[in-house]
């Protein structure tokens, strides 16, 4: 294959292989409703409820751990007994408290709101 033709083929191959990267869109930010589904399914789904529980609690645990590592948990008093379920249920109750407004909030903002409302130190 002549050199210019090989270079052209290589350039076209490179452009075709990287084209999806040019057209990819950033995923939408997760909302409170996105986390609410597995948090509710943890109680309601007898077959896959455990997996939903892990998804919900895993997110909330990670959020709380980040707060604790950064010192952002000031003013929050977390439960010591049955902590995972209490945090999960507090989030579900908080979102349902004003579903129309809260379900569309970014998930981090919603989890923080639920934690402040449910576990604020007195």
N, C-alpha and C. Protein backbone atom coordinates (compact mmCIF):
# COMPACT_ATOMS: atom_id res chain seq x y z
N UNK A 1 0.86 -1.17 0.00
CA UNK A 1 0.00 0.00 0.00
C UNK A 1 0.90 1.23 0.00
N UNK A 2 0.65 2.16 -0.89
CA UNK A 2 1.47 3.37 -0.94
C UNK A 2 1.35 4.13 0.38
N UNK A 3 2.40 4.83 0.73
CA UNK A 3 2.47 5.52 2.01
C UNK A 3 1.33 6.52 2.24
N UNK A 4 0.98 7.42 1.29
CA UNK A 4 -0.13 8.35 1.54
C UNK A 4 -1.46 7.62 1.77
N UNK A 5 -1.69 6.55 1.07
CA UNK A 5 -2.94 5.81 1.25
C UNK A 5 -2.98 5.16 2.63
N UNK A 6 -1.84 4.63 3.10
CA UNK A 6 -1.77 4.02 4.42
C UNK A 6 -2.00 5.06 5.50
N UNK A 7 -1.44 6.24 5.31
CA UNK A 7 -1.64 7.32 6.30
C UNK A 7 -3.10 7.75 6.33
N UNK A 8 -3.71 7.82 5.15
CA UNK A 8 -5.12 8.22 5.09
C UNK A 8 -6.00 7.17 5.77
N UNK A 9 -5.71 5.89 5.52
CA UNK A 9 -6.47 4.81 6.15
C UNK A 9 -6.30 4.86 7.67
N UNK A 10 -5.10 5.10 8.14
CA UNK A 10 -4.85 5.19 9.58
C UNK A 10 -5.61 6.37 10.18
N UNK A 11 -5.62 7.49 9.51
CA UNK A 11 -6.33 8.67 10.01
C UNK A 11 -7.83 8.42 10.08
N UNK A 12 -8.38 7.81 9.03
CA UNK A 12 -9.81 7.51 9.03
C UNK A 12 -10.19 6.51 10.10
N UNK A 13 -9.33 5.52 10.29
CA UNK A 13 -9.58 4.52 11.34
C UNK A 13 -9.57 5.17 12.71
N UNK A 14 -8.61 6.04 12.95
CA UNK A 14 -8.52 6.75 14.24
C UNK A 14 -9.74 7.62 14.46
N UNK A 15 -10.17 8.33 13.42
CA UNK A 15 -11.34 9.19 13.57
C UNK A 15 -12.60 8.37 13.84
N UNK A 16 -12.74 7.25 13.16
CA UNK A 16 -13.92 6.41 13.36
C UNK A 16 -13.94 5.79 14.75
N UNK A 17 -12.77 5.40 15.24
CA UNK A 17 -12.71 4.77 16.56
C UNK A 17 -12.99 5.76 17.68
N UNK A 18 -12.63 7.02 17.48
CA UNK A 18 -12.83 7.99 18.55
C UNK A 18 -14.09 8.82 18.37
N UNK A 19 -14.85 8.59 17.32
CA UNK A 19 -16.07 9.38 17.07
C UNK A 19 -17.06 9.31 18.22
N UNK A 20 -17.31 8.14 18.84
CA UNK A 20 -18.27 8.12 19.93
C UNK A 20 -17.87 9.03 21.10
N UNK A 21 -16.59 9.22 21.31
CA UNK A 21 -16.14 10.09 22.39
C UNK A 21 -16.55 11.54 22.13
N UNK A 22 -16.60 11.93 20.86
CA UNK A 22 -16.98 13.29 20.53
C UNK A 22 -18.47 13.53 20.76
N UNK A 23 -19.26 12.49 20.58
CA UNK A 23 -20.70 12.66 20.65
C UNK A 23 -21.30 12.26 21.99
N UNK A 24 -20.49 11.75 22.90
CA UNK A 24 -21.03 11.34 24.18
C UNK A 24 -21.47 12.55 24.98
N UNK A 25 -22.60 12.39 25.64
CA UNK A 25 -23.10 13.42 26.52
C UNK A 25 -22.85 13.00 27.95
N UNK A 26 -22.71 13.98 28.81
CA UNK A 26 -22.57 13.67 30.22
C UNK A 26 -23.88 13.12 30.74
N UNK A 27 -23.83 12.14 31.62
CA UNK A 27 -25.09 11.63 32.18
C UNK A 27 -25.77 12.70 33.03
N UNK A 28 -27.06 12.63 33.09
CA UNK A 28 -27.78 13.57 33.93
C UNK A 28 -27.46 13.30 35.39
N UNK A 29 -27.51 14.35 36.18
CA UNK A 29 -27.24 14.19 37.61
C UNK A 29 -28.37 13.37 38.23
N UNK A 30 -28.00 12.46 39.09
CA UNK A 30 -28.99 11.64 39.78
C UNK A 30 -29.85 12.52 40.68
N UNK A 31 -31.11 12.19 40.74
CA UNK A 31 -32.04 12.94 41.58
C UNK A 31 -32.44 12.09 42.79
N UNK A 32 -33.12 12.73 43.71
CA UNK A 32 -33.61 12.03 44.90
C UNK A 32 -34.51 10.86 44.50
N UNK A 33 -35.28 11.04 43.46
CA UNK A 33 -36.18 9.96 43.02
C UNK A 33 -35.40 8.73 42.56
N UNK A 34 -34.22 8.94 41.98
CA UNK A 34 -33.39 7.82 41.53
C UNK A 34 -32.95 6.95 42.71
N UNK A 35 -32.67 7.56 43.84
CA UNK A 35 -32.27 6.80 45.03
C UNK A 35 -33.49 6.31 45.80
N UNK A 36 -34.58 7.02 45.67
CA UNK A 36 -35.80 6.64 46.39
C UNK A 36 -36.29 5.26 45.96
N UNK A 37 -36.19 4.95 44.69
CA UNK A 37 -36.68 3.66 44.18
C UNK A 37 -36.02 2.48 44.89
N UNK A 38 -34.68 2.37 44.90
CA UNK A 38 -34.11 1.22 45.62
C UNK A 38 -34.33 1.29 47.13
N UNK A 39 -34.42 2.49 47.69
CA UNK A 39 -34.66 2.61 49.13
C UNK A 39 -36.04 2.06 49.51
N UNK A 40 -37.03 2.30 48.66
CA UNK A 40 -38.37 1.77 48.91
C UNK A 40 -38.43 0.28 48.58
N UNK A 41 -37.78 -0.13 47.52
CA UNK A 41 -37.79 -1.54 47.13
C UNK A 41 -37.14 -2.42 48.19
N UNK A 42 -36.28 -1.85 48.99
CA UNK A 42 -35.63 -2.62 50.06
C UNK A 42 -36.67 -3.22 50.99
N UNK A 43 -37.78 -2.53 51.19
CA UNK A 43 -38.86 -3.04 52.04
C UNK A 43 -39.94 -3.76 51.24
N UNK A 44 -40.16 -3.35 50.01
CA UNK A 44 -41.32 -3.82 49.25
C UNK A 44 -41.08 -5.01 48.34
N UNK A 45 -39.85 -5.28 47.98
CA UNK A 45 -39.57 -6.34 47.01
C UNK A 45 -38.99 -7.55 47.73
N UNK A 46 -39.81 -8.59 47.86
CA UNK A 46 -39.38 -9.76 48.62
C UNK A 46 -38.22 -10.50 47.95
N UNK A 47 -38.15 -10.44 46.62
CA UNK A 47 -37.13 -11.22 45.92
C UNK A 47 -35.82 -10.46 45.78
N UNK A 48 -35.87 -9.24 45.31
CA UNK A 48 -34.65 -8.46 45.08
C UNK A 48 -34.45 -7.34 46.09
N UNK A 49 -35.21 -7.37 47.15
CA UNK A 49 -35.12 -6.31 48.14
C UNK A 49 -33.75 -6.16 48.76
N UNK A 50 -33.05 -7.27 48.92
CA UNK A 50 -31.72 -7.19 49.53
C UNK A 50 -30.76 -6.41 48.64
N UNK A 51 -30.83 -6.63 47.31
CA UNK A 51 -29.97 -5.89 46.40
C UNK A 51 -30.32 -4.41 46.40
N UNK A 52 -31.59 -4.11 46.45
CA UNK A 52 -32.03 -2.71 46.51
C UNK A 52 -31.55 -2.07 47.81
N UNK A 53 -31.63 -2.83 48.89
CA UNK A 53 -31.15 -2.35 50.19
C UNK A 53 -29.67 -2.00 50.10
N UNK A 54 -28.89 -2.87 49.48
CA UNK A 54 -27.46 -2.61 49.34
C UNK A 54 -27.18 -1.37 48.52
N UNK A 55 -27.94 -1.18 47.45
CA UNK A 55 -27.75 0.00 46.60
C UNK A 55 -28.06 1.28 47.37
N UNK A 56 -29.18 1.28 48.05
CA UNK A 56 -29.60 2.46 48.81
C UNK A 56 -28.66 2.75 49.96
N UNK A 57 -28.44 1.75 50.79
CA UNK A 57 -27.61 1.93 51.98
C UNK A 57 -26.17 2.21 51.60
N UNK A 58 -25.70 1.59 50.52
CA UNK A 58 -24.33 1.85 50.07
C UNK A 58 -24.12 3.30 49.72
N UNK A 59 -25.09 3.90 49.03
CA UNK A 59 -24.98 5.31 48.67
C UNK A 59 -24.99 6.18 49.93
N UNK A 60 -25.94 5.92 50.81
CA UNK A 60 -26.07 6.76 52.02
C UNK A 60 -24.85 6.57 52.92
N UNK A 61 -24.37 5.34 53.07
CA UNK A 61 -23.15 5.10 53.88
C UNK A 61 -21.97 5.89 53.32
N UNK A 62 -21.80 5.84 52.01
CA UNK A 62 -20.71 6.58 51.38
C UNK A 62 -20.84 8.07 51.60
N UNK A 63 -22.06 8.57 51.52
CA UNK A 63 -22.30 9.99 51.74
C UNK A 63 -21.94 10.38 53.17
N UNK A 64 -22.39 9.57 54.13
CA UNK A 64 -22.09 9.85 55.54
C UNK A 64 -20.59 9.75 55.80
N UNK A 65 -19.94 8.75 55.21
CA UNK A 65 -18.49 8.60 55.38
C UNK A 65 -17.76 9.82 54.84
N UNK A 66 -18.19 10.33 53.70
CA UNK A 66 -17.57 11.53 53.14
C UNK A 66 -17.77 12.72 54.06
N UNK A 67 -18.97 12.84 54.63
CA UNK A 67 -19.21 13.93 55.59
C UNK A 67 -18.27 13.81 56.79
N UNK A 68 -18.13 12.60 57.31
CA UNK A 68 -17.28 12.38 58.48
C UNK A 68 -15.81 12.66 58.17
N UNK A 69 -15.36 12.26 56.99
CA UNK A 69 -13.97 12.48 56.62
C UNK A 69 -13.64 13.95 56.40
N UNK A 70 -14.60 14.70 55.93
CA UNK A 70 -14.36 16.11 55.64
C UNK A 70 -14.78 17.02 56.78
N UNK A 71 -15.30 16.43 57.86
CA UNK A 71 -15.76 17.25 58.98
C UNK A 71 -17.09 17.94 58.71
N UNK A 72 -17.82 17.50 57.70
CA UNK A 72 -19.08 18.12 57.34
C UNK A 72 -20.28 17.61 58.11
N UNK A 73 -20.04 16.73 59.09
CA UNK A 73 -21.16 16.16 59.83
C UNK A 73 -21.50 16.98 61.07
N UNK A 74 -20.88 18.12 61.23
CA UNK A 74 -21.17 18.97 62.38
C UNK A 74 -22.65 19.26 62.49
N UNK A 75 -23.18 19.11 63.67
CA UNK A 75 -24.60 19.34 63.89
C UNK A 75 -25.47 18.12 63.61
N UNK A 76 -24.84 17.02 63.24
CA UNK A 76 -25.59 15.79 62.98
C UNK A 76 -25.22 14.75 64.03
N UNK A 77 -26.22 14.09 64.56
CA UNK A 77 -26.01 13.03 65.55
C UNK A 77 -26.63 11.75 65.00
N UNK A 78 -25.79 10.88 64.50
CA UNK A 78 -26.27 9.67 63.86
C UNK A 78 -26.59 8.60 64.89
N UNK A 79 -27.57 7.77 64.60
CA UNK A 79 -27.94 6.69 65.53
C UNK A 79 -26.82 5.65 65.61
N UNK A 80 -26.77 4.96 66.72
CA UNK A 80 -25.77 3.90 66.87
C UNK A 80 -26.38 2.53 66.62
N UNK A 81 -27.66 2.37 66.91
CA UNK A 81 -28.33 1.08 66.71
C UNK A 81 -29.13 1.11 65.41
N UNK A 82 -29.03 0.03 64.64
CA UNK A 82 -29.80 -0.11 63.41
C UNK A 82 -29.63 1.11 62.50
N UNK A 83 -28.41 1.58 62.40
CA UNK A 83 -28.10 2.83 61.71
C UNK A 83 -28.51 2.82 60.24
N UNK A 84 -28.18 1.76 59.52
CA UNK A 84 -28.48 1.73 58.08
C UNK A 84 -29.97 1.90 57.81
N UNK A 85 -30.79 1.13 58.51
CA UNK A 85 -32.24 1.22 58.28
C UNK A 85 -32.80 2.56 58.72
N UNK A 86 -32.30 3.11 59.79
CA UNK A 86 -32.79 4.41 60.23
C UNK A 86 -32.45 5.50 59.22
N UNK A 87 -31.24 5.47 58.68
CA UNK A 87 -30.86 6.46 57.67
C UNK A 87 -31.69 6.29 56.40
N UNK A 88 -31.87 5.05 55.98
CA UNK A 88 -32.66 4.78 54.77
C UNK A 88 -34.10 5.24 54.94
N UNK A 89 -34.69 4.89 56.05
CA UNK A 89 -36.10 5.27 56.28
C UNK A 89 -36.26 6.78 56.43
N UNK A 90 -35.28 7.43 57.04
CA UNK A 90 -35.34 8.89 57.18
C UNK A 90 -35.32 9.55 55.80
N UNK A 91 -34.50 9.02 54.90
CA UNK A 91 -34.44 9.57 53.55
C UNK A 91 -35.78 9.39 52.83
N UNK A 92 -36.36 8.20 52.92
CA UNK A 92 -37.64 7.94 52.26
C UNK A 92 -38.72 8.87 52.82
N UNK A 93 -38.80 8.97 54.14
CA UNK A 93 -39.80 9.86 54.77
C UNK A 93 -39.61 11.30 54.34
N UNK A 94 -38.34 11.75 54.31
CA UNK A 94 -38.06 13.15 53.98
C UNK A 94 -38.48 13.46 52.54
N UNK A 95 -38.14 12.61 51.61
CA UNK A 95 -38.52 12.86 50.21
C UNK A 95 -40.03 12.86 50.07
N UNK A 96 -40.71 11.92 50.70
CA UNK A 96 -42.17 11.86 50.60
C UNK A 96 -42.85 13.01 51.34
N UNK A 97 -42.13 13.66 52.26
CA UNK A 97 -42.70 14.79 52.99
C UNK A 97 -43.11 15.94 52.08
N UNK A 98 -42.42 16.11 50.97
CA UNK A 98 -42.77 17.12 49.96
C UNK A 98 -42.30 16.58 48.62
N UNK A 99 -42.94 15.51 48.18
CA UNK A 99 -42.46 14.74 47.04
C UNK A 99 -42.23 15.57 45.79
N UNK A 100 -43.18 16.41 45.48
CA UNK A 100 -43.09 17.19 44.23
C UNK A 100 -41.82 18.03 44.19
N UNK A 101 -41.47 18.66 45.28
CA UNK A 101 -40.28 19.51 45.33
C UNK A 101 -39.00 18.71 45.54
N UNK A 102 -39.05 17.77 46.46
CA UNK A 102 -37.82 17.09 46.88
C UNK A 102 -37.38 15.98 45.94
N UNK A 103 -38.29 15.37 45.22
CA UNK A 103 -37.92 14.23 44.37
C UNK A 103 -37.02 14.64 43.20
N UNK A 104 -37.05 15.89 42.82
CA UNK A 104 -36.23 16.36 41.69
C UNK A 104 -34.92 17.00 42.12
N UNK A 105 -34.67 17.07 43.43
CA UNK A 105 -33.41 17.63 43.91
C UNK A 105 -32.25 16.72 43.55
N UNK A 106 -31.04 17.28 43.38
CA UNK A 106 -29.88 16.42 43.23
C UNK A 106 -29.79 15.49 44.44
N UNK A 107 -29.42 14.24 44.21
CA UNK A 107 -29.47 13.23 45.27
C UNK A 107 -28.63 13.62 46.49
N UNK A 108 -27.48 14.21 46.29
CA UNK A 108 -26.66 14.61 47.43
C UNK A 108 -27.33 15.66 48.29
N UNK A 109 -27.96 16.61 47.65
CA UNK A 109 -28.69 17.66 48.37
C UNK A 109 -29.85 17.06 49.15
N UNK A 110 -30.52 16.09 48.56
CA UNK A 110 -31.65 15.44 49.22
C UNK A 110 -31.20 14.61 50.41
N UNK A 111 -30.12 13.86 50.26
CA UNK A 111 -29.63 13.04 51.38
C UNK A 111 -29.20 13.97 52.52
N UNK A 112 -28.52 15.05 52.22
CA UNK A 112 -28.11 15.98 53.26
C UNK A 112 -29.32 16.60 53.95
N UNK A 113 -30.33 16.96 53.19
CA UNK A 113 -31.55 17.50 53.78
C UNK A 113 -32.23 16.51 54.70
N UNK A 114 -32.28 15.26 54.28
CA UNK A 114 -32.89 14.21 55.12
C UNK A 114 -32.09 14.00 56.39
N UNK A 115 -30.78 14.00 56.28
CA UNK A 115 -29.93 13.80 57.46
C UNK A 115 -30.08 14.96 58.44
N UNK A 116 -30.10 16.18 57.94
CA UNK A 116 -30.25 17.34 58.82
C UNK A 116 -31.61 17.34 59.50
N UNK A 117 -32.63 16.97 58.75
CA UNK A 117 -33.98 16.95 59.31
C UNK A 117 -34.17 15.82 60.29
N UNK A 118 -33.62 14.65 60.00
CA UNK A 118 -33.85 13.48 60.85
C UNK A 118 -32.85 13.27 61.96
N UNK A 119 -31.63 13.81 61.81
CA UNK A 119 -30.58 13.50 62.77
C UNK A 119 -29.82 14.73 63.25
N UNK A 120 -30.48 15.87 63.23
CA UNK A 120 -29.86 17.08 63.75
C UNK A 120 -29.73 16.99 65.26
N UNK A 121 -28.60 17.38 65.79
CA UNK A 121 -28.39 17.34 67.24
C UNK A 121 -29.25 18.41 67.90
N UNK A 122 -29.75 18.08 69.05
CA UNK A 122 -30.61 19.06 69.76
C UNK A 122 -29.83 19.84 70.77
